[in-house]
Amino acid sequence: MRIISELESLISQSCPNQKIQIKQKNLHISLLKKYYNASDVSIDYFRRRITLNVIIDDTVYNPSIINTYLPTFRADIHFISLKYFLKERIEQDARSLAFYASLLRSYTKEERELLVV
């Protein structure tokens, strides 16, 4: 539960009403790619729209070669509040918790490195 609460806190901090920084945008994209199994995600913060290419069949993917074709479909999603939208997509299975833990480590590590310098 600590991982989930820290992730929710990070999401809350990353969703200000002003201009979004690149690392915050990358966090949002990583969470959406994980939840929707998407190969490409773009977020229009002004229009409150997410466009993503969702992978239909994972069996075609081979990590040892360059994948030039993956069967995908394009989806457009509208949201009212990105913070609540992202929080609702947090999954609590073991694989997702491991992903969230590594994501939290990378973001807290970046912040620590900035504070040390």
PDB file of N, CA and C in Angstrom:
ATOM      1  N   MET A   1       0.823  -1.206   0.000  1.00  0.00           N
ATOM      2  CA  MET A   1       0.000   0.000   0.000  1.00  0.00           C
ATOM      3  C   MET A   1       0.860   1.259   0.000  1.00  0.00           C
ATOM      4  N   ARG A   2       2.088   1.146   0.517  1.00  0.00           N
ATOM      5  CA  ARG A   2       2.956   2.317   0.543  1.00  0.00           C
ATOM      6  C   ARG A   2       3.330   2.747  -0.877  1.00  0.00           C
ATOM      7  N   ILE A   3       3.569   1.767  -1.738  1.00  0.00           N
ATOM      8  CA  ILE A   3       3.897   2.079  -3.134  1.00  0.00           C
ATOM      9  C   ILE A   3       2.740   2.823  -3.786  1.00  0.00           C
ATOM     10  N   ILE A   4       1.522   2.353  -3.565  1.00  0.00           N
ATOM     11  CA  ILE A   4       0.339   2.985  -4.155  1.00  0.00           C
ATOM     12  C   ILE A   4       0.176   4.404  -3.625  1.00  0.00           C
ATOM     13  N   SER A   5       0.314   4.599  -2.318  1.00  0.00           N
ATOM     14  CA  SER A   5       0.137   5.941  -1.753  1.00  0.00           C
ATOM     15  C   SER A   5       1.223   6.904  -2.234  1.00  0.00           C
ATOM     16  N   GLU A   6       2.469   6.412  -2.355  1.00  0.00           N
ATOM     17  CA  GLU A   6       3.537   7.273  -2.857  1.00  0.00           C
ATOM     18  C   GLU A   6       3.330   7.612  -4.334  1.00  0.00           C
ATOM     19  N   LEU A   7       2.837   6.644  -5.100  1.00  0.00           N
ATOM     20  CA  LEU A   7       2.557   6.902  -6.507  1.00  0.00           C
ATOM     21  C   LEU A   7       1.426   7.919  -6.652  1.00  0.00           C
ATOM     22  N   GLU A   8       0.383   7.776  -5.843  1.00  0.00           N
ATOM     23  CA  GLU A   8      -0.722   8.742  -5.877  1.00  0.00           C
ATOM     24  C   GLU A   8      -0.236  10.136  -5.503  1.00  0.00           C
ATOM     25  N   SER A   9       0.662  10.217  -4.540  1.00  0.00           N
ATOM     26  CA  SER A   9       1.242  11.503  -4.148  1.00  0.00           C
ATOM     27  C   SER A   9       2.068  12.097  -5.293  1.00  0.00           C
ATOM     28  N   LEU A  10       2.847  11.258  -5.967  1.00  0.00           N
ATOM     29  CA  LEU A  10       3.642  11.724  -7.107  1.00  0.00           C
ATOM     30  C   LEU A  10       2.740  12.208  -8.244  1.00  0.00           C
ATOM     31  N   ILE A  11       1.642  11.502  -8.478  1.00  0.00           N
ATOM     32  CA  ILE A  11       0.689  11.928  -9.508  1.00  0.00           C
ATOM     33  C   ILE A  11       0.091  13.273  -9.136  1.00  0.00           C
ATOM     34  N   SER A  12      -0.290  13.455  -7.882  1.00  0.00           N
ATOM     35  CA  SER A  12      -0.869  14.720  -7.438  1.00  0.00           C
ATOM     36  C   SER A  12       0.105  15.875  -7.621  1.00  0.00           C
ATOM     37  N   GLN A  13       1.374  15.627  -7.320  1.00  0.00           N
ATOM     38  CA  GLN A  13       2.393  16.660  -7.479  1.00  0.00           C
ATOM     39  C   GLN A  13       2.672  16.964  -8.950  1.00  0.00           C
ATOM     40  N   SER A  14       2.448  15.982  -9.816  1.00  0.00           N
ATOM     41  CA  SER A  14       2.800  16.151 -11.223  1.00  0.00           C
ATOM     42  C   SER A  14       1.664  16.739 -12.057  1.00  0.00           C
ATOM     43  N   CYS A  15       0.537  17.015 -11.441  1.00  0.00           N
ATOM     44  CA  CYS A  15      -0.618  17.536 -12.178  1.00  0.00           C
ATOM     45  C   CYS A  15      -0.985  18.947 -11.735  1.00  0.00           C
ATOM     46  N   PRO A  16      -0.087  19.906 -11.897  1.00  0.00           N
ATOM     47  CA  PRO A  16      -0.445  21.283 -11.550  1.00  0.00           C
ATOM     48  C   PRO A  16      -1.302  21.896 -12.653  1.00  0.00           C
ATOM     49  N   ASN A  17      -1.842  23.052 -12.376  1.00  0.00           N
ATOM     50  CA  ASN A  17      -2.669  23.733 -13.368  1.00  0.00           C
ATOM     51  C   ASN A  17      -1.840  24.560 -14.340  1.00  0.00           C
ATOM     52  N   GLN A  18      -0.557  24.644 -14.111  1.00  0.00           N
ATOM     53  CA  GLN A  18       0.303  25.411 -15.006  1.00  0.00           C
ATOM     54  C   GLN A  18       0.993  24.510 -16.018  1.00  0.00           C
ATOM     55  N   LYS A  19       2.042  25.027 -16.635  1.00  0.00           N
ATOM     56  CA  LYS A  19       2.767  24.279 -17.666  1.00  0.00           C
ATOM     57  C   LYS A  19       3.384  23.002 -17.097  1.00  0.00           C
ATOM     58  N   ILE A  20       3.245  21.932 -17.844  1.00  0.00           N
ATOM     59  CA  ILE A  20       3.755  20.623 -17.436  1.00  0.00           C
ATOM     60  C   ILE A  20       5.221  20.494 -17.848  1.00  0.00           C
ATOM     61  N   GLN A  21       6.065  20.045 -16.926  1.00  0.00           N
ATOM     62  CA  GLN A  21       7.470  19.819 -17.235  1.00  0.00           C
ATOM     63  C   GLN A  21       7.624  18.479 -17.954  1.00  0.00           C
ATOM     64  N   ILE A  22       8.761  18.294 -18.614  1.00  0.00           N
ATOM     65  CA  ILE A  22       8.998  17.080 -19.402  1.00  0.00           C
ATOM     66  C   ILE A  22       8.991  15.830 -18.524  1.00  0.00           C
ATOM     67  N   LYS A  23       9.614  15.879 -17.350  1.00  0.00           N
ATOM     68  CA  LYS A  23       9.657  14.682 -16.508  1.00  0.00           C
ATOM     69  C   LYS A  23       8.260  14.322 -15.997  1.00  0.00           C
ATOM     70  N   GLN A  24       7.410  15.318 -15.775  1.00  0.00           N
ATOM     71  CA  GLN A  24       6.028  15.042 -15.369  1.00  0.00           C
ATOM     72  C   GLN A  24       5.249  14.422 -16.519  1.00  0.00           C
ATOM     73  N   LYS A  25       5.458  14.942 -17.711  1.00  0.00           N
ATOM     74  CA  LYS A  25       4.792  14.387 -18.889  1.00  0.00           C
ATOM     75  C   LYS A  25       5.242  12.944 -19.125  1.00  0.00           C
ATOM     76  N   ASN A  26       6.531  12.673 -18.942  1.00  0.00           N
ATOM     77  CA  ASN A  26       7.040  11.310 -19.113  1.00  0.00           C
ATOM     78  C   ASN A  26       6.434  10.352 -18.084  1.00  0.00           C
ATOM     79  N   LEU A  27       6.202  10.833 -16.865  1.00  0.00           N
ATOM     80  CA  LEU A  27       5.540  10.023 -15.850  1.00  0.00           C
ATOM     81  C   LEU A  27       4.129   9.669 -16.294  1.00  0.00           C
ATOM     82  N   HIS A  28       3.385  10.654 -16.761  1.00  0.00           N
ATOM     83  CA  HIS A  28       2.012  10.421 -17.221  1.00  0.00           C
ATOM     84  C   HIS A  28       1.983   9.423 -18.375  1.00  0.00           C
ATOM     85  N   ILE A  29       2.889   9.602 -19.324  1.00  0.00           N
ATOM     86  CA  ILE A  29       2.941   8.702 -20.483  1.00  0.00           C
ATOM     87  C   ILE A  29       3.304   7.282 -20.051  1.00  0.00           C
ATOM     88  N   SER A  30       4.256   7.139 -19.128  1.00  0.00           N
ATOM     89  CA  SER A  30       4.654   5.804 -18.653  1.00  0.00           C
ATOM     90  C   SER A  30       3.486   5.080 -17.994  1.00  0.00           C
ATOM     91  N   LEU A  31       2.735   5.796 -17.182  1.00  0.00           N
ATOM     92  CA  LEU A  31       1.580   5.183 -16.505  1.00  0.00           C
ATOM     93  C   LEU A  31       0.512   4.755 -17.504  1.00  0.00           C
ATOM     94  N   LEU A  32       0.268   5.599 -18.501  1.00  0.00           N
ATOM     95  CA  LEU A  32      -0.755   5.272 -19.501  1.00  0.00           C
ATOM     96  C   LEU A  32      -0.311   4.122 -20.397  1.00  0.00           C
ATOM     97  N   LYS A  33       0.963   4.104 -20.777  1.00  0.00           N
ATOM     98  CA  LYS A  33       1.475   2.997 -21.590  1.00  0.00           C
ATOM     99  C   LYS A  33       1.344   1.679 -20.842  1.00  0.00           C
ATOM    100  N   LYS A  34       1.631   1.692 -19.560  1.00  0.00           N
ATOM    101  CA  LYS A  34       1.528   0.473 -18.753  1.00  0.00           C
ATOM    102  C   LYS A  34       0.080   0.010 -18.656  1.00  0.00           C
ATOM    103  N   TYR A  35      -0.824   0.918 -18.353  1.00  0.00           N
ATOM    104  CA  TYR A  35      -2.219   0.530 -18.127  1.00  0.00           C
ATOM    105  C   TYR A  35      -2.899   0.047 -19.409  1.00  0.00           C
ATOM    106  N   TYR A  36      -2.695   0.785 -20.510  1.00  0.00           N
ATOM    107  CA  TYR A  36      -3.384   0.466 -21.755  1.00  0.00           C
ATOM    108  C   TYR A  36      -2.579  -0.440 -22.682  1.00  0.00           C
ATOM    109  N   ASN A  37      -1.352  -0.793 -22.307  1.00  0.00           N
ATOM    110  CA  ASN A  37      -0.473  -1.576 -23.165  1.00  0.00           C
ATOM    111  C   ASN A  37      -0.319  -0.875 -24.521  1.00  0.00           C
ATOM    112  N   ALA A  38       0.026   0.387 -24.445  1.00  0.00           N
ATOM    113  CA  ALA A  38       0.102   1.232 -25.633  1.00  0.00           C
ATOM    114  C   ALA A  38       1.541   1.387 -26.107  1.00  0.00           C
ATOM    115  N   SER A  39       1.699   1.502 -27.415  1.00  0.00           N
ATOM    116  CA  SER A  39       3.026   1.705 -27.984  1.00  0.00           C
ATOM    117  C   SER A  39       3.351   3.185 -28.136  1.00  0.00           C
ATOM    118  N   ASP A  40       2.341   4.007 -28.256  1.00  0.00           N
ATOM    119  CA  ASP A  40       2.541   5.447 -28.446  1.00  0.00           C
ATOM    120  C   ASP A  40       1.438   6.188 -27.708  1.00  0.00           C
ATOM    121  N   VAL A  41       1.820   7.203 -26.946  1.00  0.00           N
ATOM    122  CA  VAL A  41       0.852   7.993 -26.187  1.00  0.00           C
ATOM    123  C   VAL A  41       1.184   9.464 -26.353  1.00  0.00           C
ATOM    124  N   SER A  42       0.185  10.263 -26.627  1.00  0.00           N
ATOM    125  CA  SER A  42       0.362  11.716 -26.617  1.00  0.00           C
ATOM    126  C   SER A  42      -0.771  12.332 -25.807  1.00  0.00           C
ATOM    127  N   ILE A  43      -0.424  13.351 -25.040  1.00  0.00           N
ATOM    128  CA  ILE A  43      -1.396  13.995 -24.160  1.00  0.00           C
ATOM    129  C   ILE A  43      -1.519  15.454 -24.557  1.00  0.00           C
ATOM    130  N   ASP A  44      -2.731  15.890 -24.827  1.00  0.00           N
ATOM    131  CA  ASP A  44      -3.028  17.300 -25.078  1.00  0.00           C
ATOM    132  C   ASP A  44      -3.644  17.844 -23.794  1.00  0.00           C
ATOM    133  N   TYR A  45      -2.835  18.499 -22.983  1.00  0.00           N
ATOM    134  CA  TYR A  45      -3.287  18.978 -21.681  1.00  0.00           C
ATOM    135  C   TYR A  45      -4.321  20.089 -21.813  1.00  0.00           C
ATOM    136  N   PHE A  46      -4.209  20.905 -22.843  1.00  0.00           N
ATOM    137  CA  PHE A  46      -5.128  22.016 -23.023  1.00  0.00           C
ATOM    138  C   PHE A  46      -6.528  21.524 -23.394  1.00  0.00           C
ATOM    139  N   ARG A  47      -6.594  20.582 -24.333  1.00  0.00           N
ATOM    140  CA  ARG A  47      -7.890  20.052 -24.774  1.00  0.00           C
ATOM    141  C   ARG A  47      -8.368  18.878 -23.924  1.00  0.00           C
ATOM    142  N   ARG A  48      -7.532  18.444 -22.975  1.00  0.00           N
ATOM    143  CA  ARG A  48      -7.845  17.315 -22.092  1.00  0.00           C
ATOM    144  C   ARG A  48      -8.150  16.053 -22.884  1.00  0.00           C
ATOM    145  N   ARG A  49      -7.208  15.713 -23.743  1.00  0.00           N
ATOM    146  CA  ARG A  49      -7.369  14.563 -24.643  1.00  0.00           C
ATOM    147  C   ARG A  49      -6.094  13.731 -24.651  1.00  0.00           C
ATOM    148  N   ILE A  50      -6.279  12.414 -24.630  1.00  0.00           N
ATOM    149  CA  ILE A  50      -5.167  11.471 -24.728  1.00  0.00           C
ATOM    150  C   ILE A  50      -5.375  10.663 -25.998  1.00  0.00           C
ATOM    151  N   THR A  51      -4.342  10.596 -26.823  1.00  0.00           N
ATOM    152  CA  THR A  51      -4.368   9.773 -28.027  1.00  0.00           C
ATOM    153  C   THR A  51      -3.317   8.689 -27.851  1.00  0.00           C
ATOM    154  N   LEU A  52      -3.739   7.441 -28.062  1.00  0.00           N
ATOM    155  CA  LEU A  52      -2.781   6.349 -27.893  1.00  0.00           C
ATOM    156  C   LEU A  52      -3.012   5.246 -28.907  1.00  0.00           C
ATOM    157  N   ASN A  53      -1.935   4.533 -29.202  1.00  0.00           N
ATOM    158  CA  ASN A  53      -1.983   3.348 -30.049  1.00  0.00           C
ATOM    159  C   ASN A  53      -1.865   2.139 -29.143  1.00  0.00           C
ATOM    160  N   VAL A  54      -2.949   1.405 -29.015  1.00  0.00           N
ATOM    161  CA  VAL A  54      -3.009   0.250 -28.130  1.00  0.00           C
ATOM    162  C   VAL A  54      -2.611  -1.001 -28.906  1.00  0.00           C
ATOM    163  N   ILE A  55      -1.689  -1.779 -28.354  1.00  0.00           N
ATOM    164  CA  ILE A  55      -1.227  -3.016 -28.990  1.00  0.00           C
ATOM    165  C   ILE A  55      -2.311  -4.081 -28.821  1.00  0.00           C
ATOM    166  N   ILE A  56      -2.723  -4.658 -29.941  1.00  0.00           N
ATOM    167  CA  ILE A  56      -3.793  -5.649 -29.934  1.00  0.00           C
ATOM    168  C   ILE A  56      -3.260  -7.030 -29.576  1.00  0.00           C
ATOM    169  N   ASP A  57      -2.131  -7.418 -30.160  1.00  0.00           N
ATOM    170  CA  ASP A  57      -1.614  -8.770 -29.991  1.00  0.00           C
ATOM    171  C   ASP A  57      -0.165  -8.732 -29.526  1.00  0.00           C
ATOM    172  N   ASP A  58       0.083  -9.107 -28.276  1.00  0.00           N
ATOM    173  CA  ASP A  58       1.439  -9.104 -27.714  1.00  0.00           C
ATOM    174  C   ASP A  58       2.311 -10.221 -28.246  1.00  0.00           C
ATOM    175  N   THR A  59       1.727 -11.261 -28.809  1.00  0.00           N
ATOM    176  CA  THR A  59       2.519 -12.404 -29.254  1.00  0.00           C
ATOM    177  C   THR A  59       3.411 -12.061 -30.445  1.00  0.00           C
ATOM    178  N   VAL A  60       3.092 -10.999 -31.159  1.00  0.00           N
ATOM    179  CA  VAL A  60       3.891 -10.587 -32.316  1.00  0.00           C
ATOM    180  C   VAL A  60       5.180  -9.890 -31.872  1.00  0.00           C
ATOM    181  N   TYR A  61       5.189  -9.313 -30.679  1.00  0.00           N
ATOM    182  CA  TYR A  61       6.333  -8.558 -30.180  1.00  0.00           C
ATOM    183  C   TYR A  61       7.499  -9.472 -29.856  1.00  0.00           C
ATOM    184  N   ASN A  62       8.694  -9.104 -30.344  1.00  0.00           N
ATOM    185  CA  ASN A  62       9.915  -9.835 -30.054  1.00  0.00           C
ATOM    186  C   ASN A  62      10.957  -8.826 -29.581  1.00  0.00           C
ATOM    187  N   PRO A  63      11.392  -8.887 -28.310  1.00  0.00           N
ATOM    188  CA  PRO A  63      12.326  -7.890 -27.790  1.00  0.00           C
ATOM    189  C   PRO A  63      13.735  -7.983 -28.365  1.00  0.00           C
ATOM    190  N   SER A  64      14.076  -9.095 -29.028  1.00  0.00           N
ATOM    191  CA  SER A  64      15.434  -9.255 -29.548  1.00  0.00           C
ATOM    192  C   SER A  64      15.620  -8.651 -30.939  1.00  0.00           C
ATOM    193  N   ILE A  65      14.539  -8.205 -31.584  1.00  0.00           N
ATOM    194  CA  ILE A  65      14.646  -7.581 -32.906  1.00  0.00           C
ATOM    195  C   ILE A  65      13.876  -6.265 -32.909  1.00  0.00           C
ATOM    196  N   ILE A  66      14.108  -5.497 -33.943  1.00  0.00           N
ATOM    197  CA  ILE A  66      13.348  -4.260 -34.127  1.00  0.00           C
ATOM    198  C   ILE A  66      11.988  -4.640 -34.696  1.00  0.00           C
ATOM    199  N   ASN A  67      10.954  -4.241 -34.003  1.00  0.00           N
ATOM    200  CA  ASN A  67       9.587  -4.577 -34.405  1.00  0.00           C
ATOM    201  C   ASN A  67       9.047  -3.458 -35.297  1.00  0.00           C
ATOM    202  N   THR A  68       8.950  -3.727 -36.570  1.00  0.00           N
ATOM    203  CA  THR A  68       8.464  -2.709 -37.504  1.00  0.00           C
ATOM    204  C   THR A  68       6.951  -2.720 -37.640  1.00  0.00           C
ATOM    205  N   TYR A  69       6.335  -3.833 -37.247  1.00  0.00           N
ATOM    206  CA  TYR A  69       4.883  -3.900 -37.328  1.00  0.00           C
ATOM    207  C   TYR A  69       4.318  -4.540 -36.066  1.00  0.00           C
ATOM    208  N   LEU A  70       3.497  -3.805 -35.379  1.00  0.00           N
ATOM    209  CA  LEU A  70       2.732  -4.332 -34.256  1.00  0.00           C
ATOM    210  C   LEU A  70       1.270  -3.988 -34.516  1.00  0.00           C
ATOM    211  N   PRO A  71       0.372  -4.958 -34.427  1.00  0.00           N
ATOM    212  CA  PRO A  71      -1.041  -4.652 -34.661  1.00  0.00           C
ATOM    213  C   PRO A  71      -1.588  -3.760 -33.535  1.00  0.00           C
ATOM    214  N   THR A  72      -1.978  -2.554 -33.896  1.00  0.00           N
ATOM    215  CA  THR A  72      -2.481  -1.592 -32.918  1.00  0.00           C
ATOM    216  C   THR A  72      -3.779  -0.971 -33.411  1.00  0.00           C
ATOM    217  N   PHE A  73      -4.488  -0.344 -32.492  1.00  0.00           N
ATOM    218  CA  PHE A  73      -5.593   0.509 -32.886  1.00  0.00           C
ATOM    219  C   PHE A  73      -5.475   1.831 -32.140  1.00  0.00           C
ATOM    220  N   ARG A  74      -5.930   2.867 -32.780  1.00  0.00           N
ATOM    221  CA  ARG A  74      -5.831   4.214 -32.229  1.00  0.00           C
ATOM    222  C   ARG A  74      -7.057   4.497 -31.375  1.00  0.00           C
ATOM    223  N   ALA A  75      -6.817   5.086 -30.211  1.00  0.00           N
ATOM    224  CA  ALA A  75      -7.915   5.444 -29.306  1.00  0.00           C
ATOM    225  C   ALA A  75      -7.736   6.882 -28.845  1.00  0.00           C
ATOM    226  N   ASP A  76      -8.827   7.604 -28.783  1.00  0.00           N
ATOM    227  CA  ASP A  76      -8.849   8.962 -28.236  1.00  0.00           C
ATOM    228  C   ASP A  76      -9.674   8.935 -26.966  1.00  0.00           C
ATOM    229  N   ILE A  77      -9.085   9.428 -25.883  1.00  0.00           N
ATOM    230  CA  ILE A  77      -9.754   9.436 -24.589  1.00  0.00           C
ATOM    231  C   ILE A  77      -9.795  10.875 -24.084  1.00  0.00           C
ATOM    232  N   HIS A  78     -10.949  11.270 -23.600  1.00  0.00           N
ATOM    233  CA  HIS A  78     -11.107  12.600 -23.004  1.00  0.00           C
ATOM    234  C   HIS A  78     -11.170  12.455 -21.489  1.00  0.00           C
ATOM    235  N   PHE A  79     -10.564  13.404 -20.788  1.00  0.00           N
ATOM    236  CA  PHE A  79     -10.582  13.365 -19.322  1.00  0.00           C
ATOM    237  C   PHE A  79     -10.985  14.731 -18.791  1.00  0.00           C
ATOM    238  N   ILE A  80     -11.543  14.726 -17.601  1.00  0.00           N
ATOM    239  CA  ILE A  80     -11.908  15.988 -16.939  1.00  0.00           C
ATOM    240  C   ILE A  80     -10.758  16.440 -16.048  1.00  0.00           C
ATOM    241  N   SER A  81     -10.259  15.539 -15.227  1.00  0.00           N
ATOM    242  CA  SER A  81      -9.125  15.828 -14.349  1.00  0.00           C
ATOM    243  C   SER A  81      -8.069  14.751 -14.567  1.00  0.00           C
ATOM    244  N   LEU A  82      -6.902  15.149 -15.039  1.00  0.00           N
ATOM    245  CA  LEU A  82      -5.841  14.170 -15.307  1.00  0.00           C
ATOM    246  C   LEU A  82      -5.405  13.473 -14.023  1.00  0.00           C
ATOM    247  N   LYS A  83      -5.364  14.192 -12.930  1.00  0.00           N
ATOM    248  CA  LYS A  83      -4.946  13.604 -11.660  1.00  0.00           C
ATOM    249  C   LYS A  83      -5.845  12.430 -11.280  1.00  0.00           C
ATOM    250  N   TYR A  84      -7.133  12.627 -11.313  1.00  0.00           N
ATOM    251  CA  TYR A  84      -8.060  11.551 -10.951  1.00  0.00           C
ATOM    252  C   TYR A  84      -8.092  10.457 -12.020  1.00  0.00           C
ATOM    253  N   PHE A  85      -7.941  10.859 -13.264  1.00  0.00           N
ATOM    254  CA  PHE A  85      -7.913   9.883 -14.359  1.00  0.00           C
ATOM    255  C   PHE A  85      -6.744   8.920 -14.178  1.00  0.00           C
ATOM    256  N   LEU A  86      -5.553   9.454 -13.870  1.00  0.00           N
ATOM    257  CA  LEU A  86      -4.372   8.605 -13.682  1.00  0.00           C
ATOM    258  C   LEU A  86      -4.481   7.753 -12.419  1.00  0.00           C
ATOM    259  N   LYS A  87      -5.007   8.333 -11.346  1.00  0.00           N
ATOM    260  CA  LYS A  87      -5.136   7.583 -10.100  1.00  0.00           C
ATOM    261  C   LYS A  87      -6.090   6.402 -10.249  1.00  0.00           C
ATOM    262  N   GLU A  88      -7.127   6.556 -11.063  1.00  0.00           N
ATOM    263  CA  GLU A  88      -8.077   5.466 -11.274  1.00  0.00           C
ATOM    264  C   GLU A  88      -7.473   4.315 -12.075  1.00  0.00           C
ATOM    265  N   ARG A  89      -6.373   4.557 -12.761  1.00  0.00           N
ATOM    266  CA  ARG A  89      -5.743   3.525 -13.577  1.00  0.00           C
ATOM    267  C   ARG A  89      -4.617   2.791 -12.858  1.00  0.00           C
ATOM    268  N   ILE A  90      -4.454   3.024 -11.586  1.00  0.00           N
ATOM    269  CA  ILE A  90      -3.431   2.318 -10.810  1.00  0.00           C
ATOM    270  C   ILE A  90      -3.929   0.912 -10.508  1.00  0.00           C
ATOM    271  N   GLU A  91      -3.130  -0.070 -10.914  1.00  0.00           N
ATOM    272  CA  GLU A  91      -3.470  -1.475 -10.686  1.00  0.00           C
ATOM    273  C   GLU A  91      -2.664  -1.992  -9.498  1.00  0.00           C
ATOM    274  N   GLN A  92      -3.187  -2.998  -8.805  1.00  0.00           N
ATOM    275  CA  GLN A  92      -2.526  -3.474  -7.594  1.00  0.00           C
ATOM    276  C   GLN A  92      -2.034  -4.913  -7.688  1.00  0.00           C
ATOM    277  N   ASP A  93      -1.819  -5.407  -8.905  1.00  0.00           N
ATOM    278  CA  ASP A  93      -1.245  -6.743  -9.040  1.00  0.00           C
ATOM    279  C   ASP A  93       0.271  -6.668  -8.849  1.00  0.00           C
ATOM    280  N   ALA A  94       0.909  -7.803  -8.661  1.00  0.00           N
ATOM    281  CA  ALA A  94       2.343  -7.852  -8.348  1.00  0.00           C
ATOM    282  C   ALA A  94       3.200  -7.235  -9.450  1.00  0.00           C
ATOM    283  N   ARG A  95       2.869  -7.518 -10.694  1.00  0.00           N
ATOM    284  CA  ARG A  95       3.654  -6.983 -11.815  1.00  0.00           C
ATOM    285  C   ARG A  95       3.565  -5.455 -11.874  1.00  0.00           C
ATOM    286  N   SER A  96       2.375  -4.921 -11.666  1.00  0.00           N
ATOM    287  CA  SER A  96       2.188  -3.469 -11.685  1.00  0.00           C
ATOM    288  C   SER A  96       2.897  -2.813 -10.509  1.00  0.00           C
ATOM    289  N   LEU A  97       2.825  -3.429  -9.336  1.00  0.00           N
ATOM    290  CA  LEU A  97       3.494  -2.859  -8.168  1.00  0.00           C
ATOM    291  C   LEU A  97       5.006  -2.805  -8.377  1.00  0.00           C
ATOM    292  N   ALA A  98       5.575  -3.814  -9.018  1.00  0.00           N
ATOM    293  CA  ALA A  98       7.010  -3.799  -9.321  1.00  0.00           C
ATOM    294  C   ALA A  98       7.342  -2.667 -10.285  1.00  0.00           C
ATOM    295  N   PHE A  99       6.488  -2.458 -11.291  1.00  0.00           N
ATOM    296  CA  PHE A  99       6.688  -1.362 -12.241  1.00  0.00           C
ATOM    297  C   PHE A  99       6.609  -0.011 -11.529  1.00  0.00           C
ATOM    298  N   TYR A 100       5.606   0.152 -10.672  1.00  0.00           N
ATOM    299  CA  TYR A 100       5.438   1.413  -9.939  1.00  0.00           C
ATOM    300  C   TYR A 100       6.618   1.662  -9.002  1.00  0.00           C
ATOM    301  N   ALA A 101       7.127   0.607  -8.371  1.00  0.00           N
ATOM    302  CA  ALA A 101       8.275   0.759  -7.471  1.00  0.00           C
ATOM    303  C   ALA A 101       9.501   1.240  -8.243  1.00  0.00           C
ATOM    304  N   SER A 102       9.736   0.680  -9.421  1.00  0.00           N
ATOM    305  CA  SER A 102      10.885   1.123 -10.215  1.00  0.00           C
ATOM    306  C   SER A 102      10.680   2.549 -10.721  1.00  0.00           C
ATOM    307  N   LEU A 103       9.446   2.889 -11.046  1.00  0.00           N
ATOM    308  CA  LEU A 103       9.130   4.249 -11.480  1.00  0.00           C
ATOM    309  C   LEU A 103       9.367   5.247 -10.346  1.00  0.00           C
ATOM    310  N   LEU A 104       8.912   4.891  -9.154  1.00  0.00           N
ATOM    311  CA  LEU A 104       9.132   5.761  -7.990  1.00  0.00           C
ATOM    312  C   LEU A 104      10.617   5.921  -7.685  1.00  0.00           C
ATOM    313  N   ARG A 105      11.371   4.815  -7.788  1.00  0.00           N
ATOM    314  CA  ARG A 105      12.815   4.894  -7.549  1.00  0.00           C
ATOM    315  C   ARG A 105      13.480   5.840  -8.535  1.00  0.00           C
ATOM    316  N   SER A 106      13.081   5.762  -9.789  1.00  0.00           N
ATOM    317  CA  SER A 106      13.721   6.620 -10.794  1.00  0.00           C
ATOM    318  C   SER A 106      13.380   8.089 -10.566  1.00  0.00           C
ATOM    319  N   TYR A 107      12.157   8.384 -10.154  1.00  0.00           N
ATOM    320  CA  TYR A 107      11.780   9.779  -9.940  1.00  0.00           C
ATOM    321  C   TYR A 107      12.338  10.326  -8.642  1.00  0.00           C
ATOM    322  N   THR A 108      12.374   9.545  -7.586  1.00  0.00           N
ATOM    323  CA  THR A 108      12.960  10.038  -6.340  1.00  0.00           C
ATOM    324  C   THR A 108      14.474  10.143  -6.471  1.00  0.00           C
ATOM    325  N   LYS A 109      15.092   9.265  -7.265  1.00  0.00           N
ATOM    326  CA  LYS A 109      16.535   9.335  -7.506  1.00  0.00           C
ATOM    327  C   LYS A 109      16.877  10.626  -8.242  1.00  0.00           C
ATOM    328  N   GLU A 110      16.082  10.985  -9.256  1.00  0.00           N
ATOM    329  CA  GLU A 110      16.328  12.225  -9.994  1.00  0.00           C
ATOM    330  C   GLU A 110      16.235  13.427  -9.063  1.00  0.00           C
ATOM    331  N   GLU A 111      15.230  13.429  -8.175  1.00  0.00           N
ATOM    332  CA  GLU A 111      15.066  14.552  -7.264  1.00  0.00           C
ATOM    333  C   GLU A 111      16.217  14.631  -6.276  1.00  0.00           C
ATOM    334  N   ARG A 112      16.685  13.477  -5.767  1.00  0.00           N
ATOM    335  CA  ARG A 112      17.807  13.467  -4.854  1.00  0.00           C
ATOM    336  C   ARG A 112      19.071  13.977  -5.526  1.00  0.00           C
ATOM    337  N   GLU A 113      19.302  13.561  -6.769  1.00  0.00           N
ATOM    338  CA  GLU A 113      20.498  14.008  -7.488  1.00  0.00           C
ATOM    339  C   GLU A 113      20.450  15.509  -7.708  1.00  0.00           C
ATOM    340  N   LEU A 114      19.274  16.057  -7.975  1.00  0.00           N
ATOM    341  CA  LEU A 114      19.166  17.500  -8.146  1.00  0.00           C
ATOM    342  C   LEU A 114      19.421  18.230  -6.835  1.00  0.00           C
ATOM    343  N   LEU A 115      18.988  17.664  -5.726  1.00  0.00           N
ATOM    344  CA  LEU A 115      19.202  18.306  -4.428  1.00  0.00           C
ATOM    345  C   LEU A 115      20.672  18.249  -4.006  1.00  0.00           C
ATOM    346  N   VAL A 116      21.373  17.180  -4.339  1.00  0.00           N
ATOM    347  CA  VAL A 116      22.761  17.027  -3.948  1.00  0.00           C
ATOM    348  C   VAL A 116      23.644  18.006  -4.705  1.00  0.00           C
ATOM    349  N   VAL A 117      23.382  18.232  -5.965  1.00  0.00           N
ATOM    350  CA  VAL A 117      24.199  19.126  -6.784  1.00  0.00           C
ATOM    351  C   VAL A 117      23.991  20.511  -6.319  1.00  0.00           C
TER     352      VAL A 117
END
